[in-house]
Amino acid sequence: MGKDEHKTGSRGSRGLSQTPKNLKIPADTVNEEYARELAELTSLRRKRLNQGEASKKN
């Protein structure tokens, strides 16, 4: 029997995993990242719609 087996349910915030500092996004660049991702999704959607139209013509 190890020590782990005697622990009870929640341990509060100590139980949450931590994000390494080098992987954190600075607060001032979060909006920029969301904007880039949304623009990427928009362009992907346009490509798919254009491919669907091209396949209907053939």
C-alpha atoms as a PDB file:
ATOM      1  CA  MET A   1       0.000   0.000   0.000  1.00  0.00           C
ATOM      2  CA  GLY A   2       1.392   3.348  -1.043  1.00  0.00           C
ATOM      3  CA  LYS A   3       0.734   6.737   0.457  1.00  0.00           C
ATOM      4  CA  ASP A   4      -1.457   7.691  -2.510  1.00  0.00           C
ATOM      5  CA  GLU A   5      -4.140   5.210  -1.590  1.00  0.00           C
ATOM      6  CA  HIS A   6      -4.984   7.017   1.638  1.00  0.00           C
ATOM      7  CA  LYS A   7      -5.753  10.392   0.088  1.00  0.00           C
ATOM      8  CA  THR A   8      -9.348  11.553   0.027  1.00  0.00           C
ATOM      9  CA  GLY A   9     -11.355  13.259  -2.754  1.00  0.00           C
ATOM     10  CA  SER A  10     -10.558  16.835  -3.697  1.00  0.00           C
ATOM     11  CA  ARG A  11      -7.413  18.627  -2.812  1.00  0.00           C
ATOM     12  CA  GLY A  12      -8.524  22.062  -3.986  1.00  0.00           C
ATOM     13  CA  SER A  13      -6.401  24.076  -6.379  1.00  0.00           C
ATOM     14  CA  ARG A  14      -3.352  21.928  -5.616  1.00  0.00           C
ATOM     15  CA  GLY A  15      -4.958  19.192  -7.701  1.00  0.00           C
ATOM     16  CA  LEU A  16      -5.013  21.236 -10.914  1.00  0.00           C
ATOM     17  CA  SER A  17      -2.305  20.737 -13.483  1.00  0.00           C
ATOM     18  CA  GLN A  18      -0.003  23.658 -14.181  1.00  0.00           C
ATOM     19  CA  THR A  19       0.902  25.200 -17.533  1.00  0.00           C
ATOM     20  CA  PRO A  20       4.621  25.691 -18.083  1.00  0.00           C
ATOM     21  CA  LYS A  21       5.626  29.353 -18.410  1.00  0.00           C
ATOM     22  CA  ASN A  22       7.022  28.859 -21.909  1.00  0.00           C
ATOM     23  CA  LEU A  23       3.591  27.640 -23.138  1.00  0.00           C
ATOM     24  CA  LYS A  24       1.533  30.478 -21.668  1.00  0.00           C
ATOM     25  CA  ILE A  25       0.174  33.132 -24.022  1.00  0.00           C
ATOM     26  CA  PRO A  26       0.630  36.748 -22.901  1.00  0.00           C
ATOM     27  CA  ALA A  27      -2.693  38.445 -22.183  1.00  0.00           C
ATOM     28  CA  ASP A  28      -2.142  41.185 -24.763  1.00  0.00           C
ATOM     29  CA  THR A  29      -1.743  38.684 -27.625  1.00  0.00           C
ATOM     30  CA  VAL A  30      -4.753  36.481 -26.863  1.00  0.00           C
ATOM     31  CA  ASN A  31      -7.110  38.576 -29.020  1.00  0.00           C
ATOM     32  CA  GLU A  32      -4.648  38.463 -31.902  1.00  0.00           C
ATOM     33  CA  GLU A  33      -4.483  34.691 -31.697  1.00  0.00           C
ATOM     34  CA  TYR A  34      -8.282  34.358 -31.702  1.00  0.00           C
ATOM     35  CA  ALA A  35      -8.475  36.655 -34.716  1.00  0.00           C
ATOM     36  CA  ARG A  36      -5.900  34.560 -36.589  1.00  0.00           C
ATOM     37  CA  GLU A  37      -7.760  31.339 -35.804  1.00  0.00           C
ATOM     38  CA  LEU A  38     -11.097  32.777 -36.928  1.00  0.00           C
ATOM     39  CA  ALA A  39      -9.554  34.044 -40.150  1.00  0.00           C
ATOM     40  CA  GLU A  40      -8.069  30.603 -40.730  1.00  0.00           C
ATOM     41  CA  LEU A  41     -11.453  28.949 -40.203  1.00  0.00           C
ATOM     42  CA  THR A  42     -13.085  31.387 -42.618  1.00  0.00           C
ATOM     43  CA  SER A  43     -10.527  30.669 -45.327  1.00  0.00           C
ATOM     44  CA  LEU A  44     -10.863  26.895 -44.816  1.00  0.00           C
ATOM     45  CA  ARG A  45     -14.625  27.165 -45.139  1.00  0.00           C
ATOM     46  CA  ARG A  46     -14.324  29.142 -48.370  1.00  0.00           C
ATOM     47  CA  LYS A  47     -11.965  26.514 -49.798  1.00  0.00           C
ATOM     48  CA  ARG A  48     -14.372  23.719 -48.943  1.00  0.00           C
ATOM     49  CA  LEU A  49     -17.323  25.570 -50.460  1.00  0.00           C
ATOM     50  CA  ASN A  50     -15.341  26.240 -53.638  1.00  0.00           C
ATOM     51  CA  GLN A  51     -14.302  22.581 -53.858  1.00  0.00           C
ATOM     52  CA  GLY A  52     -17.921  21.518 -53.449  1.00  0.00           C
ATOM     53  CA  GLU A  53     -19.038  23.842 -56.241  1.00  0.00           C
ATOM     54  CA  ALA A  54     -16.257  22.608 -58.510  1.00  0.00           C
ATOM     55  CA  SER A  55     -17.221  18.970 -57.970  1.00  0.00           C
ATOM     56  CA  LYS A  56     -20.863  19.733 -58.787  1.00  0.00           C
ATOM     57  CA  LYS A  57     -19.859  21.249 -62.133  1.00  0.00           C
ATOM     58  CA  ASN A  58     -17.894  18.164 -63.179  1.00  0.00           C
END
